[in-house]
Amino acid sequence: MTIEKIRKDYELIDLFCNLAEVPSPSMHEEKVAEWIKNYCDKNEISCKLDDFGNVVINIPATDQTKAPMMLSAHMDVIGDDSPVKTYLDENDNIHAEGRTLGGDDKAGVANALLFAKELAHSDMKHGGLEVMFTRDEENNLSGIRNANLKNFNSKYVLVLDSDTLGQCEISGASYTLAKFKVHSFKGGHSGIDIGDKKRANAAKLIADLISDLPQGVFYEEDGHVVTSCNIGGISAGDIKVTNIINTDAQANYSIRSSSRKKEEELKSKMTLTVDEFNIKNKEIAKATVEFEEHLPPFEKVDDDYIPTIFEAAANKVGVKPDITSFHAGAETHIYANKTNANNEKFIPYLIGLATVCNMHSKNEYLEYKTILKGHELLTELFKEYNK
């Protein structure tokens, strides 16, 4: 079996390879966006670029009594703009020679694009399909952040960006940066002033503070981590200089949580620890903490309609469904905190329509049979949705 043979046999594989072979590092997606626009024009699919360069596709409803659905995937990949040459290994996996493949998320783009083409030329009765392919997901999520989501009518959004076939992820963790700073009121010389009880080394003090702060899993549910914190680094003084009683030190933590309530509990605990530190050390130093939210949580909702029909569709096409959550960020988090044209809050899900291994590395590969099965799953899911 060769890459040429499976590209000839399967339109989806050829489409994926064509997309993968257009390099599209973050904020340099113009060429792949143009390729998608040309594909849509050729196949008479309504397609436009928004003001930020995201690609928007609309397949009008053929049954006004049904509700629309939205598909979302990102066009940018980890990697540079060097040529991408795809090949098939002996285990039927698609690779790129000497670099990242871009399966994250060209697999999602290819699946949605082919489905849009098929739907546009079918006689199926449906409530409409809205599709958006975004820019710059990997670095700053600036594509989704700059999209006008009020232009979309769908309530349910399938974000086709999970790395494993059959996954339907119903919640995801936020990212908040916590900055702890300690300022010692009096520094000095590590020899001459070391006996002065009013002088305290900020490096030692921040170590004391850290020892009282939580680390790791803060809250879990049913074996899944919901809320956690992790120290990323400590800064105090100069590693080459030992004759100074340091006056300033800092430690940064990441906070991740798929529950706003539990995240606030963790932040309160951290703040209380700082307050207790300040009471204990009020004569010699002061500590502060600042919280910066970089990504809001994607919280689980009570509505289980999509997971239910996803499970039914997956079982019907022979894919094992995995309804789960993930302790990281994605575009789902932005959708989950925004409203559509009807002022309804979006209900997103992170969906796996292919298995991509070793993502973001030169050893990345796509199990090609999984993307074919993923397309069956997407098709069956949309049918279930429009019953």
Protein backbone atom coordinates (compact mmCIF):
# COMPACT_ATOMS: atom_id res chain seq x y z
CA MET A 1 0.00 0.00 0.00
CA THR A 2 1.27 3.48 -0.88
CA ILE A 3 0.16 7.00 -0.10
CA GLU A 4 -0.69 7.45 -3.79
CA LYS A 5 -2.98 4.41 -3.71
CA ILE A 6 -5.00 5.46 -0.66
CA ARG A 7 -5.24 9.04 -1.92
CA LYS A 8 -6.73 7.69 -5.12
CA ASP A 9 -9.08 5.33 -3.29
CA TYR A 10 -10.35 7.74 -0.61
CA GLU A 11 -11.35 11.33 -1.26
CA LEU A 12 -10.96 12.19 2.44
CA ILE A 13 -7.34 10.98 2.51
CA ASP A 14 -6.52 12.99 -0.58
CA LEU A 15 -8.18 16.04 0.92
CA PHE A 16 -6.27 15.62 4.18
CA CYS A 17 -2.94 15.24 2.38
CA ASN A 18 -3.62 18.27 0.20
CA LEU A 19 -4.32 20.34 3.29
CA ALA A 20 -1.33 18.92 5.19
CA GLU A 21 0.97 19.73 2.26
CA VAL A 22 0.14 23.44 2.54
CA PRO A 23 2.34 24.66 5.43
CA SER A 24 0.35 26.83 7.84
CA PRO A 25 2.21 27.88 10.99
CA SER A 26 0.27 30.10 13.37
CA MET A 27 -0.59 33.51 11.87
CA HIS A 28 0.61 32.31 8.45
CA GLU A 29 -2.51 30.43 7.37
CA GLU A 30 -3.25 32.52 4.27
CA LYS A 31 -2.28 29.85 1.76
CA VAL A 32 -4.33 27.08 3.33
CA ALA A 33 -7.29 29.45 3.75
CA GLU A 34 -7.02 30.27 0.04
CA TRP A 35 -6.85 26.54 -0.78
CA ILE A 36 -10.02 25.92 1.23
CA LYS A 37 -11.79 28.89 -0.42
CA ASN A 38 -10.89 27.57 -3.88
CA TYR A 39 -12.11 24.09 -2.94
CA CYS A 40 -15.43 25.55 -1.80
CA ASP A 41 -15.82 27.69 -4.90
CA LYS A 42 -15.12 24.68 -7.12
CA ASN A 43 -17.74 22.64 -5.27
CA GLU A 44 -20.32 25.44 -5.06
CA ILE A 45 -20.17 25.77 -1.28
CA SER A 46 -20.88 29.14 0.36
CA CYS A 47 -17.56 30.25 1.84
CA LYS A 48 -16.01 33.52 2.95
CA LEU A 49 -13.18 34.86 5.07
CA ASP A 50 -14.04 37.03 8.06
CA ASP A 51 -12.16 40.20 8.99
CA PHE A 52 -9.50 38.21 10.87
CA GLY A 53 -8.94 35.62 8.13
CA ASN A 54 -10.97 32.77 9.61
CA VAL A 55 -12.83 30.69 7.03
CA VAL A 56 -16.62 30.56 7.41
CA ILE A 57 -18.83 28.07 5.54
CA ASN A 58 -22.61 27.99 5.56
CA ILE A 59 -24.85 25.20 4.26
CA PRO A 60 -28.44 26.52 4.38
CA ALA A 61 -31.16 24.54 6.11
CA THR A 62 -33.47 22.39 4.02
CA ASP A 63 -35.93 22.02 6.89
CA GLN A 64 -36.71 25.16 8.89
CA THR A 65 -38.18 23.12 11.74
CA LYS A 66 -34.76 21.73 12.62
CA ALA A 67 -31.87 23.46 14.41
CA PRO A 68 -28.46 24.15 12.85
CA MET A 69 -25.21 22.58 14.02
CA MET A 70 -21.73 24.09 13.97
CA LEU A 71 -18.39 22.44 13.24
CA SER A 72 -15.11 24.12 14.17
CA ALA A 73 -11.45 23.28 13.54
CA HIS A 74 -8.22 25.25 13.30
CA MET A 75 -6.02 25.74 10.25
CA ASP A 76 -2.70 26.47 11.94
CA VAL A 77 -0.23 23.76 12.89
CA ILE A 78 2.92 23.43 14.97
CA GLY A 79 5.82 23.65 12.54
CA ASP A 80 7.45 26.07 10.13
CA ASP A 81 6.70 26.90 6.50
CA SER A 82 9.06 24.27 5.06
CA PRO A 83 7.64 21.85 2.46
CA VAL A 84 5.46 18.98 3.69
CA LYS A 85 5.75 15.66 1.89
CA THR A 86 3.40 12.94 3.11
CA TYR A 87 4.11 9.22 3.03
CA LEU A 88 2.58 5.99 4.32
CA ASP A 89 4.56 3.68 6.59
CA GLU A 90 4.30 -0.12 6.82
CA ASN A 91 1.64 0.18 9.54
CA ASP A 92 -0.72 2.29 7.42
CA ASN A 93 0.14 5.53 9.21
CA ILE A 94 0.54 8.84 7.39
CA HIS A 95 3.67 10.84 8.22
CA ALA A 96 5.47 13.90 6.89
CA GLU A 97 9.12 13.53 5.92
CA GLY A 98 11.34 15.05 8.62
CA ARG A 99 8.79 17.38 10.19
CA THR A 100 5.38 17.73 11.82
CA LEU A 101 2.46 16.39 9.82
CA GLY A 102 -0.17 18.87 10.99
CA GLY A 103 -2.76 16.23 11.83
CA ASP A 104 -3.64 18.66 14.62
CA ASP A 105 -5.85 19.99 13.21
CA LYS A 106 -5.85 19.34 9.45
CA ALA A 107 -7.65 16.06 10.26
CA GLY A 108 -10.53 18.06 11.71
CA VAL A 109 -10.51 20.54 8.82
CA ALA A 110 -10.53 17.75 6.21
CA ASN A 111 -13.39 15.91 7.89
CA ALA A 112 -15.55 19.03 8.20
CA LEU A 113 -14.75 20.22 4.67
CA LEU A 114 -15.66 16.95 2.99
CA PHE A 115 -18.80 16.67 5.09
CA ALA A 116 -19.85 20.20 4.07
CA LYS A 117 -19.38 19.26 0.42
CA GLU A 118 -21.39 16.07 0.78
CA LEU A 119 -24.19 17.81 2.67
CA ALA A 120 -24.39 20.68 0.19
CA HIS A 121 -25.11 18.22 -2.62
CA SER A 122 -27.39 15.83 -0.73
CA ASP A 123 -31.18 15.71 -0.48
CA MET A 124 -31.10 15.30 3.30
CA LYS A 125 -33.56 17.31 5.37
CA HIS A 126 -31.55 19.23 7.96
CA GLY A 127 -31.46 22.43 9.98
CA GLY A 128 -28.30 23.82 8.42
CA LEU A 129 -24.56 23.50 8.95
CA GLU A 130 -22.22 26.27 10.03
CA VAL A 131 -18.47 25.71 9.82
CA MET A 132 -15.55 27.82 10.95
CA PHE A 133 -11.86 27.16 10.39
CA THR A 134 -9.83 29.40 12.67
CA ARG A 135 -6.34 30.86 12.71
CA ASP A 136 -3.75 30.82 15.47
CA GLU A 137 -5.22 28.24 17.82
CA GLU A 138 -1.82 26.86 18.79
CA ASN A 139 -0.30 30.10 20.07
CA ASN A 140 -2.88 32.58 21.29
CA LEU A 141 -6.35 31.42 20.24
CA SER A 142 -6.54 34.77 18.46
CA GLY A 143 -8.64 33.37 15.60
CA ILE A 144 -11.53 32.30 17.80
CA ARG A 145 -11.08 35.31 20.08
CA ASN A 146 -11.46 37.67 17.11
CA ALA A 147 -14.31 35.81 15.40
CA ASN A 148 -17.73 37.46 15.49
CA LEU A 149 -19.61 34.60 17.11
CA LYS A 150 -22.82 36.61 16.98
CA ASN A 151 -22.93 35.72 13.28
CA PHE A 152 -23.68 32.08 14.10
CA ASN A 153 -27.09 30.62 14.93
CA SER A 154 -26.05 27.19 16.18
CA LYS A 155 -26.22 26.38 19.87
CA TYR A 156 -24.20 23.15 19.68
CA VAL A 157 -20.61 23.35 18.45
CA LEU A 158 -18.47 20.32 17.64
CA VAL A 159 -14.83 21.35 17.92
CA LEU A 160 -13.06 18.68 15.85
CA ASP A 161 -9.72 18.87 17.64
CA SER A 162 -9.40 15.86 19.96
CA ASP A 163 -6.52 13.52 19.15
CA THR A 164 -8.31 10.18 19.54
CA LEU A 165 -11.13 8.70 17.48
CA GLY A 166 -14.32 8.33 19.50
CA GLN A 167 -13.67 10.99 22.12
CA CYS A 168 -16.43 13.39 23.13
CA GLU A 169 -14.99 15.68 25.76
CA ILE A 170 -17.58 17.53 27.79
CA SER A 171 -15.40 19.83 29.90
CA GLY A 172 -11.90 21.24 29.96
CA ALA A 173 -9.62 23.09 32.35
CA SER A 174 -9.03 26.81 32.52
CA TYR A 175 -5.59 28.39 32.71
CA THR A 176 -4.89 31.01 35.35
CA LEU A 177 -1.45 32.37 36.17
CA ALA A 178 -0.84 32.96 39.88
CA LYS A 179 2.07 35.27 40.75
CA PHE A 180 3.39 35.17 44.31
CA LYS A 181 5.83 37.88 45.33
CA VAL A 182 7.72 38.38 48.57
CA HIS A 183 9.43 41.64 49.49
CA SER A 184 11.78 41.73 52.46
CA PHE A 185 11.91 45.19 54.04
CA LYS A 186 15.66 45.15 54.71
CA GLY A 187 18.39 43.38 52.79
CA GLY A 188 22.10 43.62 53.36
CA HIS A 189 25.45 41.88 53.38
CA SER A 190 25.35 38.14 54.01
CA GLY A 191 28.23 38.38 56.47
CA ILE A 192 28.12 41.75 58.19
CA ASP A 193 24.30 41.93 58.51
CA ILE A 194 23.44 38.26 58.92
CA GLY A 195 22.84 38.56 62.68
CA ASP A 196 20.23 41.31 62.37
CA LYS A 197 16.86 39.71 63.16
CA LYS A 198 15.04 42.42 61.20
CA ARG A 199 16.70 41.36 57.98
CA ALA A 200 15.20 38.34 56.21
CA ASN A 201 16.21 36.74 52.95
CA ALA A 202 13.32 36.80 50.47
CA ALA A 203 14.58 33.57 48.90
CA LYS A 204 14.12 31.73 52.20
CA LEU A 205 10.82 33.43 52.89
CA ILE A 206 9.31 32.48 49.55
CA ALA A 207 10.46 28.90 50.16
CA ASP A 208 8.53 28.99 53.44
CA LEU A 209 5.47 30.36 51.64
CA ILE A 210 5.67 27.71 48.90
CA SER A 211 5.88 24.93 51.47
CA ASP A 212 2.46 26.02 52.77
CA LEU A 213 0.81 26.39 49.37
CA PRO A 214 -1.05 23.49 47.69
CA GLN A 215 0.69 21.65 44.86
CA GLY A 216 -0.72 19.16 42.36
CA VAL A 217 -4.29 17.87 42.38
CA PHE A 218 -6.62 20.08 44.44
CA TYR A 219 -9.91 18.39 43.52
CA GLU A 220 -10.87 15.34 41.49
CA GLU A 221 -14.15 13.66 40.63
CA ASP A 222 -14.75 10.08 39.48
CA GLY A 223 -11.02 9.58 38.98
CA HIS A 224 -10.64 12.68 36.79
CA VAL A 225 -8.68 15.77 37.82
CA VAL A 226 -10.97 18.79 38.00
CA THR A 227 -8.75 21.40 39.65
CA SER A 228 -4.98 21.54 40.06
CA CYS A 229 -2.09 23.90 40.58
CA ASN A 230 1.56 23.58 39.67
CA ILE A 231 4.59 25.69 40.49
CA GLY A 232 6.37 26.64 37.30
CA GLY A 233 9.40 28.47 38.61
CA ILE A 234 11.02 30.45 41.42
CA SER A 235 13.09 33.59 41.02
CA ALA A 236 15.24 35.06 43.81
CA GLY A 237 18.58 36.78 43.65
CA ASP A 238 21.43 35.60 41.41
CA ILE A 239 22.64 31.99 41.50
CA LYS A 240 26.23 33.25 41.20
CA VAL A 241 25.99 35.78 44.03
CA THR A 242 25.87 34.61 47.65
CA ASN A 243 26.91 37.67 49.62
CA ILE A 244 23.52 39.40 49.46
CA ILE A 245 20.48 39.06 51.71
CA ASN A 246 17.87 39.11 48.94
CA THR A 247 14.95 41.50 49.24
CA ASP A 248 12.71 40.20 46.43
CA ALA A 249 11.52 36.82 45.24
CA GLN A 250 8.76 35.49 43.03
CA ALA A 251 7.09 32.15 42.30
CA ASN A 252 4.63 31.52 39.47
CA TYR A 253 1.94 28.84 39.48
CA SER A 254 -0.47 27.57 36.87
CA ILE A 255 -4.03 26.91 37.98
CA ARG A 256 -6.20 24.65 35.83
CA SER A 257 -9.82 23.85 36.53
CA SER A 258 -12.93 22.74 34.68
CA SER A 259 -15.03 24.07 37.57
CA ARG A 260 -15.22 27.78 38.26
CA LYS A 261 -16.40 27.06 41.81
CA LYS A 262 -13.45 24.79 42.63
CA GLU A 263 -11.00 27.22 41.06
CA GLU A 264 -12.31 30.00 43.28
CA GLU A 265 -11.93 27.71 46.30
CA LEU A 266 -8.30 27.08 45.37
CA LYS A 267 -7.60 30.77 44.85
CA SER A 268 -9.19 31.54 48.22
CA LYS A 269 -6.97 28.95 49.90
CA MET A 270 -3.88 30.46 48.26
CA THR A 271 -4.91 33.98 49.30
CA LEU A 272 -5.50 32.82 52.88
CA THR A 273 -2.02 31.27 52.93
CA VAL A 274 -0.54 34.62 51.88
CA ASP A 275 -2.53 36.42 54.56
CA GLU A 276 -1.27 34.01 57.22
CA PHE A 277 2.30 34.49 55.98
CA ASN A 278 1.93 38.26 56.29
CA ILE A 279 0.64 38.03 59.83
CA LYS A 280 3.55 35.81 60.83
CA ASN A 281 6.19 37.99 59.09
CA LYS A 282 4.64 41.46 59.43
CA GLU A 283 7.81 42.99 60.92
CA ILE A 284 10.18 41.81 58.21
CA ALA A 285 8.39 41.21 54.89
CA LYS A 286 5.21 41.27 52.87
CA ALA A 287 3.83 38.77 50.35
CA THR A 288 1.29 39.40 47.59
CA VAL A 289 -0.55 37.24 45.09
CA GLU A 290 -2.06 38.20 41.73
CA PHE A 291 -4.28 36.00 39.57
CA GLU A 292 -4.38 36.44 35.78
CA GLU A 293 -6.98 34.43 33.87
CA HIS A 294 -5.63 33.52 30.45
CA LEU A 295 -8.32 31.01 29.51
CA PRO A 296 -11.73 30.56 31.14
CA PRO A 297 -12.98 27.11 32.12
CA PHE A 298 -15.01 24.94 29.75
CA GLU A 299 -17.55 23.73 32.29
CA LYS A 300 -19.79 20.69 32.01
CA VAL A 301 -23.44 21.53 31.37
CA ASP A 302 -26.57 19.67 32.40
CA ASP A 303 -27.62 19.24 28.76
CA ASP A 304 -26.53 15.69 27.73
CA TYR A 305 -28.23 15.63 24.31
CA ILE A 306 -25.06 15.65 22.19
CA PRO A 307 -23.17 13.06 24.31
CA THR A 308 -26.22 10.80 24.12
CA ILE A 309 -26.59 10.92 20.34
CA PHE A 310 -22.77 10.82 19.95
CA GLU A 311 -22.67 7.55 21.87
CA ALA A 312 -25.50 6.12 19.76
CA ALA A 313 -23.85 7.20 16.50
CA ALA A 314 -20.46 5.85 17.54
CA ASN A 315 -21.89 2.47 18.47
CA LYS A 316 -23.78 2.32 15.18
CA VAL A 317 -20.63 2.80 13.06
CA GLY A 318 -18.44 0.55 15.21
CA VAL A 319 -16.46 3.19 17.13
CA LYS A 320 -16.01 2.89 20.89
CA PRO A 321 -17.35 6.12 22.43
CA ASP A 322 -15.36 7.80 25.18
CA ILE A 323 -17.32 10.52 26.97
CA THR A 324 -14.72 12.24 29.08
CA SER A 325 -13.09 15.54 30.10
CA PHE A 326 -9.61 16.95 29.55
CA HIS A 327 -7.28 18.90 31.80
CA ALA A 328 -6.09 21.41 29.23
CA GLY A 329 -7.33 24.20 26.97
CA ALA A 330 -8.90 24.43 23.51
CA GLU A 331 -11.26 26.60 21.50
CA THR A 332 -14.14 24.96 23.37
CA HIS A 333 -13.32 27.25 26.29
CA ILE A 334 -14.02 30.38 24.24
CA TYR A 335 -17.26 29.05 22.77
CA ALA A 336 -18.48 27.93 26.22
CA ASN A 337 -18.29 31.50 27.50
CA LYS A 338 -19.90 33.24 24.51
CA THR A 339 -23.41 33.53 23.09
CA ASN A 340 -24.75 33.08 19.54
CA ALA A 341 -26.95 35.28 17.34
CA ASN A 342 -29.97 34.30 19.43
CA ASN A 343 -28.23 35.18 22.72
CA GLU A 344 -28.06 31.49 23.63
CA LYS A 345 -24.89 30.31 25.29
CA PHE A 346 -22.92 28.01 23.03
CA ILE A 347 -22.63 24.40 24.16
CA PRO A 348 -19.38 23.05 22.70
CA TYR A 349 -17.80 19.59 22.72
CA LEU A 350 -14.28 18.54 21.81
CA ILE A 351 -14.67 15.69 19.33
CA GLY A 352 -12.16 13.10 18.08
CA LEU A 353 -12.66 12.03 14.46
CA ALA A 354 -9.17 10.61 13.95
CA THR A 355 -6.27 9.27 16.00
CA VAL A 356 -3.17 11.47 15.75
CA CYS A 357 -0.09 10.25 17.61
CA ASN A 358 3.06 12.12 18.73
CA MET A 359 1.45 15.46 17.96
CA HIS A 360 3.64 18.52 17.55
CA SER A 361 6.76 16.46 16.80
CA LYS A 362 8.56 15.19 13.72
CA ASN A 363 7.37 11.71 14.72
CA GLU A 364 3.72 12.73 14.40
CA TYR A 365 1.47 10.41 12.41
CA LEU A 366 -2.17 9.88 11.54
CA GLU A 367 -3.72 6.42 11.58
CA TYR A 368 -5.44 6.78 8.21
CA LYS A 369 -8.18 4.21 8.81
CA THR A 370 -9.33 6.18 11.86
CA ILE A 371 -10.04 9.35 9.90
CA LEU A 372 -12.22 7.33 7.51
CA LYS A 373 -14.12 5.85 10.42
CA GLY A 374 -14.34 9.32 11.96
CA HIS A 375 -16.11 10.57 8.86
CA GLU A 376 -18.67 7.81 9.20
CA LEU A 377 -19.17 8.90 12.82
CA LEU A 378 -19.64 12.56 11.89
CA THR A 379 -22.13 11.66 9.18
CA GLU A 380 -24.14 9.40 11.46
CA LEU A 381 -24.06 11.97 14.28
CA PHE A 382 -25.49 14.65 12.00
CA LYS A 383 -28.22 12.26 10.89
CA GLU A 384 -29.11 11.50 14.51
CA TYR A 385 -29.17 15.23 15.24
CA ASN A 386 -31.61 15.86 12.41
CA LYS A 387 -34.01 12.99 13.06
